Amino acid sequence: MKFPKIVTAALIAGAVASVAACGSDDSDVPEVPTVSSATAAASGEGGGVNDPDTQPSVAVLNQMLEEALDPNVPNSEKTELVEGSAADPAIFDELVKAKQDNPDVTYEIFPPVIPAGPNKATVKVQVKLPDNPPTKLDASIVYVDGRWKLSRDTVCPLISANNVQTPMCTDSAAASESGN
């Protein structure tokens, strides 16, 4: 069944939270954003990705998700979007393929971005499967390495539930990123 892979794609890249999705109520979100456009947005007002005191806006998160699923954006740039993904940049190839294999599945991050403690926030991601009502899921974002990213705590359980193993979800990867 293709559904679990695309849910993983939606949430990994999915909030890619620094992150999140196809279609937004924000009309100023470009149709095909690039990592450089998110970086440019990060320097502007209204929730960029580089300010630890200001969570990214839903528009920025949606832009980041598009980048994570864009086959034309190098995986090395996508690792800026998901906590710990530098340990396995090839995981984005699987996400791009899952999106291409499931074009009728849509996902979207919805406001608000809710603070959840120092350098943490949560968002709702809506996943819509053909012939099914939309489902809203929680996703967390964290401020690490000088920017907001989709949390490993959101991504790894989804990846593991789909029997995908990745170095980004090992205890040693989490410990090395946290400085332990």
Protein backbone atom coordinates (compact mmCIF):
# COMPACT_ATOMS: atom_id res chain seq x y z
CA MET A 1 0.00 0.00 0.00
CA LYS A 2 1.38 3.41 -0.96
CA PHE A 3 -0.37 5.40 1.78
CA PRO A 4 2.19 5.02 4.59
CA LYS A 5 5.08 6.19 2.41
CA ILE A 6 3.29 9.34 1.35
CA VAL A 7 2.23 10.17 4.90
CA THR A 8 5.90 9.89 5.80
CA ALA A 9 6.73 12.16 2.89
CA ALA A 10 4.10 14.65 3.88
CA LEU A 11 5.32 14.92 7.40
CA ILE A 12 9.03 14.66 6.83
CA ALA A 13 9.20 17.10 4.23
CA GLY A 14 6.04 17.87 5.88
CA ALA A 15 6.04 20.54 7.91
CA VAL A 16 9.26 20.26 6.68
CA ALA A 17 9.25 22.26 9.14
CA SER A 18 10.98 24.09 8.98
CA VAL A 19 8.22 22.92 6.68
CA ALA A 20 4.89 21.98 5.02
CA ALA A 21 2.81 21.68 1.88
CA CYS A 22 0.82 21.69 -1.31
CA GLY A 23 -1.41 24.67 -1.36
CA SER A 24 -1.70 27.36 1.22
CA ASP A 25 -4.11 30.15 1.93
CA ASP A 26 -1.15 32.49 1.55
CA SER A 27 -1.26 33.76 -2.02
CA ASP A 28 2.32 35.04 -1.87
CA VAL A 29 3.83 31.54 -1.69
CA PRO A 30 5.61 30.74 -4.97
CA GLU A 31 4.47 27.64 -6.85
CA VAL A 32 7.95 26.13 -7.17
CA PRO A 33 10.10 27.50 -4.38
CA THR A 34 13.80 26.86 -3.98
CA VAL A 35 15.99 26.56 -0.94
CA SER A 36 17.35 30.00 -1.72
CA SER A 37 13.82 31.45 -1.70
CA ALA A 38 13.23 30.03 1.78
CA THR A 39 16.56 31.46 2.86
CA ALA A 40 15.51 34.83 1.50
CA ALA A 41 12.17 34.52 3.28
CA ALA A 42 14.05 33.66 6.45
CA SER A 43 15.61 37.08 6.52
CA GLY A 44 12.27 38.84 6.14
CA GLU A 45 9.64 39.63 8.72
CA GLY A 46 6.81 37.31 9.66
CA GLY A 47 8.46 34.11 10.69
CA GLY A 48 11.60 33.18 8.84
CA VAL A 49 13.74 30.21 9.81
CA ASN A 50 16.83 31.81 11.37
CA ASP A 51 15.35 33.58 14.42
CA PRO A 52 15.13 31.28 17.46
CA ASP A 53 12.60 33.62 19.08
CA THR A 54 10.16 33.67 16.16
CA GLN A 55 8.66 30.48 14.76
CA PRO A 56 8.45 30.28 10.97
CA SER A 57 5.17 31.21 9.35
CA VAL A 58 2.93 28.60 7.76
CA ALA A 59 3.85 30.04 4.35
CA VAL A 60 7.56 29.47 5.06
CA LEU A 61 6.87 25.94 6.30
CA ASN A 62 4.85 25.14 3.18
CA GLN A 63 7.67 26.52 1.05
CA MET A 64 10.17 24.29 2.83
CA LEU A 65 8.03 21.22 2.24
CA GLU A 66 7.90 21.97 -1.45
CA GLU A 67 11.68 22.19 -1.47
CA ALA A 68 12.07 18.88 0.34
CA LEU A 69 9.94 17.17 -2.31
CA ASP A 70 11.45 18.98 -5.31
CA PRO A 71 13.59 16.54 -7.32
CA ASN A 72 15.61 19.50 -8.64
CA VAL A 73 16.84 20.60 -5.20
CA PRO A 74 20.01 18.77 -4.14
CA ASN A 75 19.67 16.53 -1.08
CA SER A 76 22.59 18.37 0.49
CA GLU A 77 20.39 21.50 0.62
CA LYS A 78 17.35 19.56 1.84
CA THR A 79 19.21 18.46 4.95
CA GLU A 80 18.72 22.02 6.22
CA LEU A 81 15.01 21.21 6.49
CA VAL A 82 14.88 18.14 8.76
CA GLU A 83 16.67 17.67 12.07
CA GLY A 84 19.32 14.96 11.78
CA SER A 85 18.84 14.35 8.06
CA ALA A 86 22.50 15.15 7.32
CA ALA A 87 23.13 11.61 8.61
CA ASP A 88 21.15 10.27 5.61
CA PRO A 89 20.59 12.77 2.79
CA ALA A 90 19.41 9.94 0.49
CA ILE A 91 16.19 9.70 2.53
CA PHE A 92 14.91 12.61 0.42
CA ASP A 93 15.16 10.48 -2.74
CA GLU A 94 12.65 8.11 -1.15
CA LEU A 95 10.36 11.00 -0.25
CA VAL A 96 10.46 12.44 -3.76
CA LYS A 97 9.68 9.01 -5.21
CA ALA A 98 6.79 8.50 -2.77
CA LYS A 99 5.31 11.84 -3.84
CA GLN A 100 5.72 10.99 -7.53
CA ASP A 101 4.15 7.55 -6.97
CA ASN A 102 1.17 9.11 -5.14
CA PRO A 103 0.22 12.29 -7.04
CA ASP A 104 -3.37 12.27 -5.73
CA VAL A 105 -2.26 12.53 -2.11
CA THR A 106 -2.14 16.10 -0.84
CA TYR A 107 -0.93 17.64 2.36
CA GLU A 108 -0.98 21.10 3.84
CA ILE A 109 0.22 22.78 7.02
CA PHE A 110 -2.38 24.90 8.75
CA PRO A 111 -2.01 27.81 11.14
CA PRO A 112 -1.29 28.42 13.85
CA VAL A 113 2.32 27.62 14.59
CA ILE A 114 2.13 27.02 18.36
CA PRO A 115 5.13 27.56 20.65
CA ALA A 116 5.91 24.38 22.62
CA GLY A 117 8.83 25.48 24.79
CA PRO A 118 12.28 26.89 24.11
CA ASN A 119 13.23 26.31 20.46
CA LYS A 120 10.16 24.14 19.81
CA ALA A 121 6.76 24.56 18.18
CA THR A 122 3.95 22.43 16.76
CA VAL A 123 1.77 22.64 13.67
CA LYS A 124 -1.09 20.67 12.14
CA VAL A 125 -0.50 18.90 8.85
CA GLN A 126 -3.57 17.86 6.87
CA VAL A 127 -3.17 14.77 4.72
CA LYS A 128 -5.81 14.01 2.08
CA LEU A 129 -5.95 10.60 0.45
CA PRO A 130 -8.18 9.86 -2.54
CA ASP A 131 -11.68 8.79 -1.46
CA ASN A 132 -10.95 9.56 2.21
CA PRO A 133 -11.70 12.54 4.42
CA PRO A 134 -8.75 14.77 5.29
CA THR A 135 -6.77 13.76 8.37
CA LYS A 136 -4.94 16.27 10.55
CA LEU A 137 -1.74 15.17 12.24
CA ASP A 138 0.55 16.93 14.69
CA ALA A 139 4.10 17.75 13.66
CA SER A 140 6.81 19.41 15.71
CA ILE A 141 9.53 21.78 14.63
CA VAL A 142 12.73 22.62 16.46
CA TYR A 143 15.36 25.32 16.29
CA VAL A 144 18.74 23.58 15.84
CA ASP A 145 21.94 24.41 13.99
CA GLY A 146 20.89 28.05 13.59
CA ARG A 147 17.48 27.44 11.95
CA TRP A 148 14.03 25.92 12.36
CA LYS A 149 13.67 22.32 11.12
CA LEU A 150 11.14 19.51 11.20
CA SER A 151 11.79 17.56 14.37
CA ARG A 152 13.42 14.14 14.35
CA ASP A 153 10.76 13.21 16.94
CA THR A 154 8.08 13.72 14.28
CA VAL A 155 9.94 12.11 11.39
CA CYS A 156 11.56 9.02 12.88
CA PRO A 157 8.43 7.28 14.20
CA LEU A 158 6.82 7.71 10.76
CA ILE A 159 9.85 6.34 8.97
CA SER A 160 10.16 3.42 11.40
CA ALA A 161 6.45 2.60 11.10
CA ASN A 162 7.06 2.13 7.38
CA ASN A 163 9.97 -0.26 7.95
CA VAL A 164 12.50 2.22 6.60
CA GLN A 165 15.78 2.30 8.46
CA THR A 166 17.93 5.40 8.34
CA PRO A 167 20.99 6.57 10.26
CA MET A 168 19.17 9.82 11.07
CA CYS A 169 16.91 7.90 13.44
CA THR A 170 19.54 6.09 15.51
CA ASP A 171 20.22 6.96 19.12
CA SER A 172 23.82 7.79 18.23
CA ALA A 173 22.70 10.33 15.60
CA ALA A 174 20.47 12.06 18.14
CA ALA A 175 23.22 12.09 20.76
CA SER A 176 25.84 13.51 18.40
CA GLU A 177 23.51 16.30 17.25
CA SER A 178 22.62 17.28 20.80
CA GLY A 179 26.29 17.39 21.71
CA ASN A 180 26.26 14.34 23.99
